Amino acid sequence: MIASGTGKQDLLIVALGAVGIAAFTVLTQNNFYLDSLFSILLFAGMASAWNIVGGFAGQFSLGHTAFFGIGAYASTILLIKFGLTPWAGMLVGAVLAALAAAILGWSSFRLRGPFFSLATIAFAEVVRIVAVNWRQLTRGSEGLLVPIEREGWLFLNFTDKALYADAALGYLVVAFLVSRWVYR
């Protein structure tokens, strides 16, 4: 969390950074750079989300990959089975991930030190094992193939890799703002 300046200075720095990154996605055509930027922005968003539990609450959680996976599988399965846009699927996935987090939190949040960390990593491992072995739902280690016949922002499916980086940038900005809101 940026804590050096005033709140307005922090937001200005973040806004300028976001504009700079968005400009970079427009100016570059190098797919390697765009793929790398997408991964960096995605992991930065996940780190910002982790900061809420790890940084503010002081709990060392290793289960965020499970929540990310629950949301991703929910959104993708709803797209494949019902043709639901990923935007609606993300909301359903967020609700399912929040429900899983509430259940995990209720049963393990009073644990301290390594015990909380062990509970969260065990949860992530259980989710991974379920995802790999529930082949009828997830296709196991093969994974799910997202249909590519629908393109554009409605289905988050693009031919231009810069748009994926822009979507990840949006995710990072939202995650940062939520983290900042929780901090304040």
N, C-alpha and C. Protein backbone atom coordinates (compact mmCIF):
# COMPACT_ATOMS: atom_id res chain seq x y z
N MET A 1 0.85 -1.17 0.00
CA MET A 1 0.00 0.00 0.00
C MET A 1 0.89 1.22 0.00
N ILE A 2 0.56 2.18 -0.82
CA ILE A 2 1.31 3.42 -0.87
C ILE A 2 0.90 4.25 0.34
N ALA A 3 1.87 4.61 1.16
CA ALA A 3 1.55 5.35 2.37
C ALA A 3 2.44 6.57 2.53
N SER A 4 3.17 6.95 1.48
CA SER A 4 4.15 8.01 1.62
C SER A 4 3.53 9.40 1.60
N GLY A 5 2.57 9.65 0.71
CA GLY A 5 2.01 10.97 0.56
C GLY A 5 0.57 11.04 1.04
N THR A 6 -0.07 12.11 0.63
CA THR A 6 -1.47 12.24 0.96
C THR A 6 -2.29 11.31 0.07
N GLY A 7 -3.54 11.14 0.40
CA GLY A 7 -4.41 10.28 -0.38
C GLY A 7 -4.53 10.73 -1.82
N LYS A 8 -4.63 12.05 -2.03
CA LYS A 8 -4.75 12.57 -3.39
C LYS A 8 -3.47 12.35 -4.19
N GLN A 9 -2.32 12.50 -3.55
CA GLN A 9 -1.04 12.25 -4.23
C GLN A 9 -0.93 10.79 -4.64
N ASP A 10 -1.35 9.91 -3.77
CA ASP A 10 -1.30 8.48 -4.08
C ASP A 10 -2.17 8.16 -5.28
N LEU A 11 -3.39 8.70 -5.29
CA LEU A 11 -4.30 8.45 -6.41
C LEU A 11 -3.76 9.04 -7.70
N LEU A 12 -3.11 10.19 -7.63
CA LEU A 12 -2.52 10.80 -8.82
C LEU A 12 -1.40 9.93 -9.37
N ILE A 13 -0.56 9.41 -8.49
CA ILE A 13 0.53 8.53 -8.92
C ILE A 13 -0.03 7.28 -9.58
N VAL A 14 -1.04 6.68 -8.97
CA VAL A 14 -1.66 5.48 -9.54
C VAL A 14 -2.31 5.80 -10.88
N ALA A 15 -3.01 6.92 -10.97
CA ALA A 15 -3.67 7.30 -12.22
C ALA A 15 -2.64 7.54 -13.32
N LEU A 16 -1.55 8.23 -13.00
CA LEU A 16 -0.50 8.46 -14.00
C LEU A 16 0.14 7.14 -14.45
N GLY A 17 0.36 6.26 -13.49
CA GLY A 17 0.91 4.94 -13.84
C GLY A 17 -0.03 4.16 -14.75
N ALA A 18 -1.32 4.20 -14.44
CA ALA A 18 -2.31 3.49 -15.26
C ALA A 18 -2.37 4.08 -16.66
N VAL A 19 -2.32 5.40 -16.77
CA VAL A 19 -2.33 6.04 -18.09
C VAL A 19 -1.06 5.66 -18.86
N GLY A 20 0.08 5.64 -18.18
CA GLY A 20 1.33 5.24 -18.83
C GLY A 20 1.29 3.80 -19.33
N ILE A 21 0.74 2.91 -18.53
CA ILE A 21 0.63 1.51 -18.93
C ILE A 21 -0.34 1.36 -20.10
N ALA A 22 -1.46 2.07 -20.03
CA ALA A 22 -2.43 2.02 -21.13
C ALA A 22 -1.81 2.56 -22.42
N ALA A 23 -1.02 3.62 -22.31
CA ALA A 23 -0.34 4.17 -23.50
C ALA A 23 0.65 3.15 -24.05
N PHE A 24 1.35 2.45 -23.17
CA PHE A 24 2.31 1.43 -23.62
C PHE A 24 1.60 0.33 -24.41
N THR A 25 0.41 -0.07 -23.95
CA THR A 25 -0.31 -1.14 -24.66
C THR A 25 -0.73 -0.69 -26.05
N VAL A 26 -0.96 0.61 -26.23
CA VAL A 26 -1.33 1.14 -27.55
C VAL A 26 -0.10 1.24 -28.44
N LEU A 27 1.03 1.61 -27.86
CA LEU A 27 2.23 1.89 -28.65
C LEU A 27 3.01 0.65 -29.06
N THR A 28 2.94 -0.42 -28.29
CA THR A 28 3.73 -1.60 -28.62
C THR A 28 2.91 -2.62 -29.38
N GLN A 29 3.57 -3.31 -30.28
CA GLN A 29 2.95 -4.41 -31.02
C GLN A 29 3.63 -5.73 -30.69
N ASN A 30 4.59 -5.69 -29.77
CA ASN A 30 5.37 -6.87 -29.42
C ASN A 30 4.56 -7.77 -28.49
N ASN A 31 4.20 -8.95 -28.99
CA ASN A 31 3.35 -9.86 -28.20
C ASN A 31 4.04 -10.34 -26.93
N PHE A 32 5.37 -10.48 -26.96
CA PHE A 32 6.09 -10.90 -25.75
C PHE A 32 5.91 -9.86 -24.65
N TYR A 33 6.08 -8.59 -24.99
CA TYR A 33 5.92 -7.52 -24.01
C TYR A 33 4.48 -7.47 -23.48
N LEU A 34 3.53 -7.65 -24.39
CA LEU A 34 2.12 -7.60 -23.97
C LEU A 34 1.76 -8.79 -23.08
N ASP A 35 2.26 -9.99 -23.41
CA ASP A 35 2.03 -11.15 -22.56
C ASP A 35 2.66 -10.95 -21.19
N SER A 36 3.87 -10.44 -21.18
CA SER A 36 4.56 -10.19 -19.91
C SER A 36 3.82 -9.15 -19.08
N LEU A 37 3.39 -8.08 -19.74
CA LEU A 37 2.65 -7.03 -19.04
C LEU A 37 1.35 -7.58 -18.47
N PHE A 38 0.64 -8.41 -19.23
CA PHE A 38 -0.59 -9.02 -18.75
C PHE A 38 -0.32 -9.82 -17.47
N SER A 39 0.72 -10.65 -17.49
CA SER A 39 1.04 -11.45 -16.30
C SER A 39 1.42 -10.56 -15.11
N ILE A 40 2.20 -9.54 -15.36
CA ILE A 40 2.62 -8.64 -14.29
C ILE A 40 1.41 -7.96 -13.67
N LEU A 41 0.50 -7.45 -14.50
CA LEU A 41 -0.67 -6.75 -13.99
C LEU A 41 -1.61 -7.70 -13.26
N LEU A 42 -1.76 -8.90 -13.78
CA LEU A 42 -2.62 -9.89 -13.13
C LEU A 42 -2.08 -10.25 -11.74
N PHE A 43 -0.78 -10.53 -11.66
CA PHE A 43 -0.19 -10.88 -10.37
C PHE A 43 -0.15 -9.68 -9.43
N ALA A 44 0.00 -8.47 -9.95
CA ALA A 44 -0.05 -7.29 -9.10
C ALA A 44 -1.45 -7.11 -8.51
N GLY A 45 -2.48 -7.39 -9.30
CA GLY A 45 -3.85 -7.33 -8.78
C GLY A 45 -4.08 -8.37 -7.70
N MET A 46 -3.55 -9.58 -7.91
CA MET A 46 -3.69 -10.62 -6.89
C MET A 46 -2.91 -10.24 -5.63
N ALA A 47 -1.74 -9.61 -5.80
CA ALA A 47 -0.97 -9.18 -4.64
C ALA A 47 -1.71 -8.10 -3.86
N SER A 48 -2.37 -7.22 -4.58
CA SER A 48 -3.15 -6.18 -3.91
C SER A 48 -4.31 -6.79 -3.13
N ALA A 49 -4.93 -7.81 -3.68
CA ALA A 49 -6.01 -8.51 -2.97
C ALA A 49 -5.44 -9.25 -1.75
N TRP A 50 -4.29 -9.86 -1.92
CA TRP A 50 -3.67 -10.57 -0.80
C TRP A 50 -3.29 -9.60 0.31
N ASN A 51 -2.96 -8.37 -0.05
CA ASN A 51 -2.55 -7.37 0.93
C ASN A 51 -3.63 -7.10 1.97
N ILE A 52 -4.89 -7.29 1.60
CA ILE A 52 -5.98 -7.05 2.56
C ILE A 52 -5.88 -8.01 3.73
N VAL A 53 -5.68 -9.30 3.45
CA VAL A 53 -5.59 -10.28 4.53
C VAL A 53 -4.17 -10.32 5.10
N GLY A 54 -3.18 -10.37 4.23
CA GLY A 54 -1.80 -10.51 4.70
C GLY A 54 -1.23 -9.23 5.28
N GLY A 55 -1.52 -8.10 4.64
CA GLY A 55 -0.95 -6.85 5.09
C GLY A 55 -1.72 -6.18 6.20
N PHE A 56 -3.03 -6.07 6.02
CA PHE A 56 -3.83 -5.33 6.98
C PHE A 56 -4.25 -6.18 8.17
N ALA A 57 -4.64 -7.42 7.91
CA ALA A 57 -5.10 -8.28 9.00
C ALA A 57 -3.95 -9.05 9.65
N GLY A 58 -2.80 -9.09 8.99
CA GLY A 58 -1.64 -9.76 9.55
C GLY A 58 -1.71 -11.28 9.49
N GLN A 59 -2.58 -11.82 8.66
CA GLN A 59 -2.69 -13.26 8.51
C GLN A 59 -1.97 -13.67 7.23
N PHE A 60 -1.13 -14.68 7.32
CA PHE A 60 -0.35 -15.13 6.16
C PHE A 60 -1.15 -16.21 5.44
N SER A 61 -1.95 -15.76 4.46
CA SER A 61 -2.83 -16.66 3.74
C SER A 61 -2.16 -17.17 2.47
N LEU A 62 -2.24 -18.47 2.25
CA LEU A 62 -1.71 -19.08 1.04
C LEU A 62 -2.83 -19.67 0.19
N GLY A 63 -4.06 -19.30 0.46
CA GLY A 63 -5.19 -19.89 -0.23
C GLY A 63 -5.80 -19.04 -1.32
N HIS A 64 -5.21 -17.91 -1.65
CA HIS A 64 -5.82 -17.03 -2.64
C HIS A 64 -5.90 -17.67 -4.02
N THR A 65 -5.00 -18.57 -4.33
CA THR A 65 -5.09 -19.24 -5.63
C THR A 65 -6.38 -20.04 -5.73
N ALA A 66 -6.83 -20.59 -4.62
CA ALA A 66 -8.09 -21.35 -4.63
C ALA A 66 -9.27 -20.44 -4.94
N PHE A 67 -9.31 -19.27 -4.33
CA PHE A 67 -10.40 -18.34 -4.58
C PHE A 67 -10.37 -17.84 -6.02
N PHE A 68 -9.18 -17.57 -6.52
CA PHE A 68 -9.02 -17.16 -7.91
C PHE A 68 -9.51 -18.27 -8.85
N GLY A 69 -9.15 -19.51 -8.54
CA GLY A 69 -9.56 -20.65 -9.35
C GLY A 69 -11.06 -20.89 -9.30
N ILE A 70 -11.66 -20.75 -8.12
CA ILE A 70 -13.11 -20.92 -7.99
C ILE A 70 -13.82 -19.90 -8.87
N GLY A 71 -13.41 -18.67 -8.81
CA GLY A 71 -14.01 -17.63 -9.64
C GLY A 71 -13.80 -17.88 -11.12
N ALA A 72 -12.58 -18.28 -11.49
CA ALA A 72 -12.29 -18.52 -12.91
C ALA A 72 -13.07 -19.71 -13.45
N TYR A 73 -13.13 -20.79 -12.69
CA TYR A 73 -13.91 -21.96 -13.14
C TYR A 73 -15.40 -21.63 -13.23
N ALA A 74 -15.92 -20.90 -12.26
CA ALA A 74 -17.34 -20.56 -12.28
C ALA A 74 -17.67 -19.73 -13.52
N SER A 75 -16.87 -18.72 -13.78
CA SER A 75 -17.11 -17.86 -14.94
C SER A 75 -17.01 -18.65 -16.25
N THR A 76 -16.00 -19.49 -16.36
CA THR A 76 -15.79 -20.25 -17.60
C THR A 76 -16.87 -21.31 -17.80
N ILE A 77 -17.25 -21.99 -16.74
CA ILE A 77 -18.29 -23.01 -16.85
C ILE A 77 -19.63 -22.37 -17.24
N LEU A 78 -19.94 -21.22 -16.66
CA LEU A 78 -21.18 -20.53 -17.02
C LEU A 78 -21.16 -20.07 -18.47
N LEU A 79 -20.00 -19.68 -18.97
CA LEU A 79 -19.87 -19.30 -20.38
C LEU A 79 -20.08 -20.51 -21.29
N ILE A 80 -19.41 -21.61 -20.98
CA ILE A 80 -19.46 -22.80 -21.84
C ILE A 80 -20.83 -23.46 -21.80
N LYS A 81 -21.38 -23.66 -20.62
CA LYS A 81 -22.63 -24.41 -20.48
C LYS A 81 -23.88 -23.58 -20.80
N PHE A 82 -23.85 -22.28 -20.44
CA PHE A 82 -25.05 -21.46 -20.56
C PHE A 82 -24.89 -20.24 -21.46
N GLY A 83 -23.68 -20.01 -22.00
CA GLY A 83 -23.45 -18.86 -22.86
C GLY A 83 -23.49 -17.53 -22.13
N LEU A 84 -23.33 -17.57 -20.81
CA LEU A 84 -23.39 -16.37 -19.99
C LEU A 84 -22.11 -15.56 -20.18
N THR A 85 -22.25 -14.25 -20.34
CA THR A 85 -21.09 -13.40 -20.51
C THR A 85 -20.15 -13.51 -19.30
N PRO A 86 -18.85 -13.43 -19.52
CA PRO A 86 -17.92 -13.52 -18.39
C PRO A 86 -18.12 -12.44 -17.33
N TRP A 87 -18.70 -11.30 -17.71
CA TRP A 87 -18.97 -10.25 -16.72
C TRP A 87 -19.95 -10.75 -15.67
N ALA A 88 -21.02 -11.39 -16.10
CA ALA A 88 -21.97 -11.97 -15.15
C ALA A 88 -21.34 -13.17 -14.45
N GLY A 89 -20.56 -13.94 -15.21
CA GLY A 89 -19.86 -15.08 -14.61
C GLY A 89 -18.88 -14.66 -13.53
N MET A 90 -18.25 -13.50 -13.72
CA MET A 90 -17.34 -13.00 -12.69
C MET A 90 -18.08 -12.67 -11.41
N LEU A 91 -19.27 -12.12 -11.54
CA LEU A 91 -20.06 -11.81 -10.34
C LEU A 91 -20.45 -13.08 -9.61
N VAL A 92 -20.90 -14.08 -10.37
CA VAL A 92 -21.24 -15.37 -9.75
C VAL A 92 -19.98 -16.00 -9.14
N GLY A 93 -18.87 -15.96 -9.88
CA GLY A 93 -17.61 -16.50 -9.37
C GLY A 93 -17.15 -15.79 -8.12
N ALA A 94 -17.33 -14.46 -8.07
CA ALA A 94 -16.95 -13.70 -6.89
C ALA A 94 -17.80 -14.09 -5.69
N VAL A 95 -19.08 -14.30 -5.93
CA VAL A 95 -19.97 -14.72 -4.83
C VAL A 95 -19.56 -16.10 -4.33
N LEU A 96 -19.29 -17.03 -5.25
CA LEU A 96 -18.87 -18.38 -4.83
C LEU A 96 -17.53 -18.34 -4.10
N ALA A 97 -16.59 -17.55 -4.62
CA ALA A 97 -15.29 -17.43 -3.95
C ALA A 97 -15.44 -16.78 -2.58
N ALA A 98 -16.31 -15.77 -2.47
CA ALA A 98 -16.55 -15.13 -1.17
C ALA A 98 -17.21 -16.09 -0.19
N LEU A 99 -18.12 -16.91 -0.70
CA LEU A 99 -18.76 -17.92 0.15
C LEU A 99 -17.72 -18.92 0.65
N ALA A 100 -16.85 -19.38 -0.25
CA ALA A 100 -15.78 -20.31 0.15
C ALA A 100 -14.84 -19.63 1.15
N ALA A 101 -14.54 -18.34 0.92
CA ALA A 101 -13.68 -17.60 1.84
C ALA A 101 -14.33 -17.43 3.21
N ALA A 102 -15.64 -17.19 3.21
CA ALA A 102 -16.35 -17.04 4.49
C ALA A 102 -16.33 -18.35 5.28
N ILE A 103 -16.53 -19.46 4.57
CA ILE A 103 -16.50 -20.76 5.24
C ILE A 103 -15.10 -21.05 5.78
N LEU A 104 -14.09 -20.81 4.94
CA LEU A 104 -12.70 -21.02 5.39
C LEU A 104 -12.36 -20.07 6.53
N GLY A 105 -12.77 -18.81 6.39
CA GLY A 105 -12.48 -17.83 7.43
C GLY A 105 -13.15 -18.16 8.75
N TRP A 106 -14.42 -18.59 8.68
CA TRP A 106 -15.14 -18.95 9.90
C TRP A 106 -14.44 -20.08 10.63
N SER A 107 -13.93 -21.04 9.87
CA SER A 107 -13.32 -22.21 10.52
C SER A 107 -11.86 -22.01 10.88
N SER A 108 -11.18 -21.03 10.29
CA SER A 108 -9.74 -20.96 10.54
C SER A 108 -9.21 -19.57 10.91
N PHE A 109 -10.02 -18.54 10.90
CA PHE A 109 -9.47 -17.20 11.11
C PHE A 109 -9.00 -16.97 12.55
N ARG A 110 -9.47 -17.76 13.48
CA ARG A 110 -8.97 -17.59 14.85
C ARG A 110 -7.64 -18.31 15.06
N LEU A 111 -7.20 -19.06 14.06
CA LEU A 111 -5.87 -19.69 14.14
C LEU A 111 -4.81 -18.62 13.94
N ARG A 112 -3.66 -18.81 14.52
CA ARG A 112 -2.59 -17.83 14.42
C ARG A 112 -1.33 -18.49 13.92
N GLY A 113 -0.45 -17.64 13.39
CA GLY A 113 0.86 -18.09 12.96
C GLY A 113 0.79 -19.14 11.87
N PRO A 114 1.60 -20.17 12.01
CA PRO A 114 1.68 -21.17 10.94
C PRO A 114 0.40 -21.99 10.78
N PHE A 115 -0.45 -22.03 11.78
CA PHE A 115 -1.65 -22.86 11.70
C PHE A 115 -2.66 -22.28 10.71
N PHE A 116 -2.80 -20.96 10.70
CA PHE A 116 -3.67 -20.33 9.72
C PHE A 116 -3.11 -20.55 8.31
N SER A 117 -1.81 -20.38 8.17
CA SER A 117 -1.17 -20.59 6.86
C SER A 117 -1.37 -22.03 6.38
N LEU A 118 -1.21 -22.98 7.28
CA LEU A 118 -1.40 -24.39 6.92
C LEU A 118 -2.86 -24.67 6.53
N ALA A 119 -3.81 -24.06 7.23
CA ALA A 119 -5.22 -24.26 6.89
C ALA A 119 -5.52 -23.70 5.50
N THR A 120 -4.97 -22.53 5.18
CA THR A 120 -5.27 -21.93 3.88
C THR A 120 -4.58 -22.68 2.73
N ILE A 121 -3.37 -23.16 2.96
CA ILE A 121 -2.71 -23.93 1.90
C ILE A 121 -3.38 -25.29 1.73
N ALA A 122 -3.89 -25.86 2.82
CA ALA A 122 -4.63 -27.12 2.72
C ALA A 122 -5.91 -26.91 1.93
N PHE A 123 -6.59 -25.79 2.15
CA PHE A 123 -7.79 -25.49 1.39
C PHE A 123 -7.47 -25.35 -0.10
N ALA A 124 -6.40 -24.63 -0.41
CA ALA A 124 -5.99 -24.47 -1.81
C ALA A 124 -5.67 -25.82 -2.44
N GLU A 125 -5.05 -26.70 -1.70
CA GLU A 125 -4.71 -28.03 -2.22
C GLU A 125 -5.97 -28.86 -2.43
N VAL A 126 -6.93 -28.76 -1.53
CA VAL A 126 -8.20 -29.49 -1.70
C VAL A 126 -8.91 -29.00 -2.96
N VAL A 127 -8.96 -27.69 -3.16
CA VAL A 127 -9.60 -27.14 -4.36
C VAL A 127 -8.88 -27.62 -5.61
N ARG A 128 -7.55 -27.66 -5.60
CA ARG A 128 -6.78 -28.15 -6.74
C ARG A 128 -7.09 -29.62 -7.02
N ILE A 129 -7.14 -30.43 -5.99
CA ILE A 129 -7.42 -31.86 -6.16
C ILE A 129 -8.84 -32.06 -6.71
N VAL A 130 -9.79 -31.30 -6.19
CA VAL A 130 -11.17 -31.39 -6.71
C VAL A 130 -11.20 -30.98 -8.17
N ALA A 131 -10.52 -29.90 -8.52
CA ALA A 131 -10.52 -29.42 -9.91
C ALA A 131 -9.89 -30.44 -10.85
N VAL A 132 -8.85 -31.10 -10.43
CA VAL A 132 -8.17 -32.08 -11.28
C VAL A 132 -9.00 -33.36 -11.41
N ASN A 133 -9.69 -33.76 -10.35
CA ASN A 133 -10.39 -35.04 -10.36
C ASN A 133 -11.87 -34.97 -10.74
N TRP A 134 -12.47 -33.80 -10.73
CA TRP A 134 -13.87 -33.68 -11.11
C TRP A 134 -13.93 -33.42 -12.62
N ARG A 135 -13.55 -34.43 -13.37
CA ARG A 135 -13.38 -34.31 -14.82
C ARG A 135 -14.66 -33.94 -15.56
N GLN A 136 -15.82 -34.36 -15.07
CA GLN A 136 -17.07 -34.03 -15.74
C GLN A 136 -17.31 -32.51 -15.73
N LEU A 137 -16.83 -31.84 -14.71
CA LEU A 137 -17.06 -30.40 -14.58
C LEU A 137 -15.90 -29.58 -15.14
N THR A 138 -14.66 -29.98 -14.81
CA THR A 138 -13.50 -29.16 -15.12
C THR A 138 -12.61 -29.71 -16.22
N ARG A 139 -12.89 -30.91 -16.69
CA ARG A 139 -12.05 -31.63 -17.65
C ARG A 139 -10.65 -31.92 -17.09
N GLY A 140 -10.55 -31.92 -15.78
CA GLY A 140 -9.32 -32.32 -15.10
C GLY A 140 -8.12 -31.46 -15.47
N SER A 141 -6.98 -32.11 -15.63
CA SER A 141 -5.75 -31.38 -15.92
C SER A 141 -5.71 -30.85 -17.35
N GLU A 142 -6.62 -31.31 -18.20
CA GLU A 142 -6.71 -30.76 -19.56
C GLU A 142 -7.25 -29.33 -19.53
N GLY A 143 -8.12 -29.07 -18.61
CA GLY A 143 -8.71 -27.74 -18.49
C GLY A 143 -9.87 -27.53 -19.43
N LEU A 144 -10.46 -26.37 -19.33
CA LEU A 144 -11.62 -26.00 -20.14
C LEU A 144 -11.17 -25.14 -21.31
N LEU A 145 -11.76 -25.39 -22.46
CA LEU A 145 -11.47 -24.57 -23.63
C LEU A 145 -12.57 -23.52 -23.77
N VAL A 146 -12.15 -22.28 -23.80
CA VAL A 146 -13.10 -21.18 -23.94
C VAL A 146 -13.44 -21.04 -25.42
N PRO A 147 -14.72 -21.00 -25.76
CA PRO A 147 -15.09 -20.84 -27.17
C PRO A 147 -14.62 -19.48 -27.70
N ILE A 148 -14.06 -19.49 -28.90
CA ILE A 148 -13.48 -18.27 -29.45
C ILE A 148 -14.36 -17.62 -30.52
N GLU A 149 -15.53 -18.17 -30.79
CA GLU A 149 -16.35 -17.59 -31.85
C GLU A 149 -16.95 -16.24 -31.48
N ARG A 150 -17.01 -15.92 -30.20
CA ARG A 150 -17.55 -14.63 -29.77
C ARG A 150 -16.40 -13.74 -29.32
N GLU A 151 -16.22 -12.62 -30.01
CA GLU A 151 -15.13 -11.71 -29.66
C GLU A 151 -15.67 -10.40 -29.12
N GLY A 152 -14.80 -9.68 -28.44
CA GLY A 152 -15.13 -8.35 -27.95
C GLY A 152 -15.18 -8.29 -26.43
N TRP A 153 -15.46 -7.09 -25.93
CA TRP A 153 -15.46 -6.84 -24.50
C TRP A 153 -16.58 -7.58 -23.78
N LEU A 154 -17.70 -7.84 -24.47
CA LEU A 154 -18.80 -8.54 -23.82
C LEU A 154 -18.38 -9.94 -23.38
N PHE A 155 -17.54 -10.60 -24.18
CA PHE A 155 -17.11 -11.96 -23.85
C PHE A 155 -15.62 -12.03 -23.48
N LEU A 156 -14.99 -10.89 -23.32
CA LEU A 156 -13.57 -10.81 -22.93
C LEU A 156 -12.70 -11.73 -23.80
N ASN A 157 -12.92 -11.67 -25.08
CA ASN A 157 -12.19 -12.50 -26.02
C ASN A 157 -11.70 -11.59 -27.15
N PHE A 158 -10.38 -11.47 -27.29
CA PHE A 158 -9.81 -10.49 -28.20
C PHE A 158 -8.78 -11.13 -29.13
N THR A 159 -8.61 -10.54 -30.29
CA THR A 159 -7.51 -10.94 -31.17
C THR A 159 -6.27 -10.10 -30.88
N ASP A 160 -6.46 -8.92 -30.31
CA ASP A 160 -5.35 -8.02 -29.97
C ASP A 160 -4.95 -8.24 -28.52
N LYS A 161 -3.70 -8.64 -28.31
CA LYS A 161 -3.24 -8.93 -26.95
C LYS A 161 -3.19 -7.69 -26.07
N ALA A 162 -3.13 -6.52 -26.66
CA ALA A 162 -3.12 -5.28 -25.87
C ALA A 162 -4.40 -5.15 -25.06
N LEU A 163 -5.50 -5.64 -25.59
CA LEU A 163 -6.78 -5.54 -24.86
C LEU A 163 -6.79 -6.44 -23.62
N TYR A 164 -6.08 -7.57 -23.67
CA TYR A 164 -5.95 -8.40 -22.47
C TYR A 164 -5.17 -7.65 -21.39
N ALA A 165 -4.12 -6.96 -21.80
CA ALA A 165 -3.34 -6.17 -20.85
C ALA A 165 -4.19 -5.04 -20.28
N ASP A 166 -5.02 -4.42 -21.12
CA ASP A 166 -5.91 -3.36 -20.63
C ASP A 166 -6.92 -3.91 -19.62
N ALA A 167 -7.45 -5.10 -19.87
CA ALA A 167 -8.38 -5.72 -18.93
C ALA A 167 -7.68 -6.01 -17.60
N ALA A 168 -6.45 -6.52 -17.66
CA ALA A 168 -5.69 -6.79 -16.44
C ALA A 168 -5.37 -5.49 -15.70
N LEU A 169 -5.11 -4.43 -16.45
CA LEU A 169 -4.88 -3.13 -15.82
C LEU A 169 -6.13 -2.67 -15.08
N GLY A 170 -7.29 -2.85 -15.70
CA GLY A 170 -8.55 -2.50 -15.02
C GLY A 170 -8.73 -3.29 -13.75
N TYR A 171 -8.41 -4.58 -13.80
CA TYR A 171 -8.50 -5.43 -12.61
C TYR A 171 -7.56 -4.92 -11.51
N LEU A 172 -6.34 -4.57 -11.89
CA LEU A 172 -5.38 -4.06 -10.91
C LEU A 172 -5.87 -2.77 -10.27
N VAL A 173 -6.42 -1.87 -11.06
CA VAL A 173 -6.90 -0.60 -10.52
C VAL A 173 -8.05 -0.85 -9.54
N VAL A 174 -8.97 -1.72 -9.90
CA VAL A 174 -10.09 -2.04 -9.00
C VAL A 174 -9.57 -2.68 -7.71
N ALA A 175 -8.64 -3.64 -7.84
CA ALA A 175 -8.08 -4.30 -6.65
C ALA A 175 -7.36 -3.29 -5.77
N PHE A 176 -6.62 -2.39 -6.38
CA PHE A 176 -5.92 -1.36 -5.61
C PHE A 176 -6.90 -0.45 -4.88
N LEU A 177 -7.95 -0.03 -5.58
CA LEU A 177 -8.93 0.88 -4.96
C LEU A 177 -9.68 0.20 -3.82
N VAL A 178 -10.01 -1.07 -3.97
CA VAL A 178 -10.67 -1.80 -2.88
C VAL A 178 -9.71 -1.94 -1.70
N SER A 179 -8.46 -2.27 -1.99
CA SER A 179 -7.46 -2.39 -0.93
C SER A 179 -7.27 -1.05 -0.22
N ARG A 180 -7.25 0.03 -0.97
CA ARG A 180 -7.10 1.37 -0.39
C ARG A 180 -8.32 1.71 0.46
N TRP A 181 -9.51 1.34 -0.02
CA TRP A 181 -10.74 1.60 0.73
C TRP A 181 -10.73 0.84 2.06
N VAL A 182 -10.31 -0.42 2.03
CA VAL A 182 -10.23 -1.21 3.26
C VAL A 182 -9.19 -0.60 4.21
N TYR A 183 -8.07 -0.14 3.65
CA TYR A 183 -7.02 0.47 4.47
C TYR A 183 -7.52 1.71 5.20
N ARG A 184 -8.31 2.52 4.50
CA ARG A 184 -8.81 3.77 5.09
C ARG A 184 -9.95 3.49 6.04
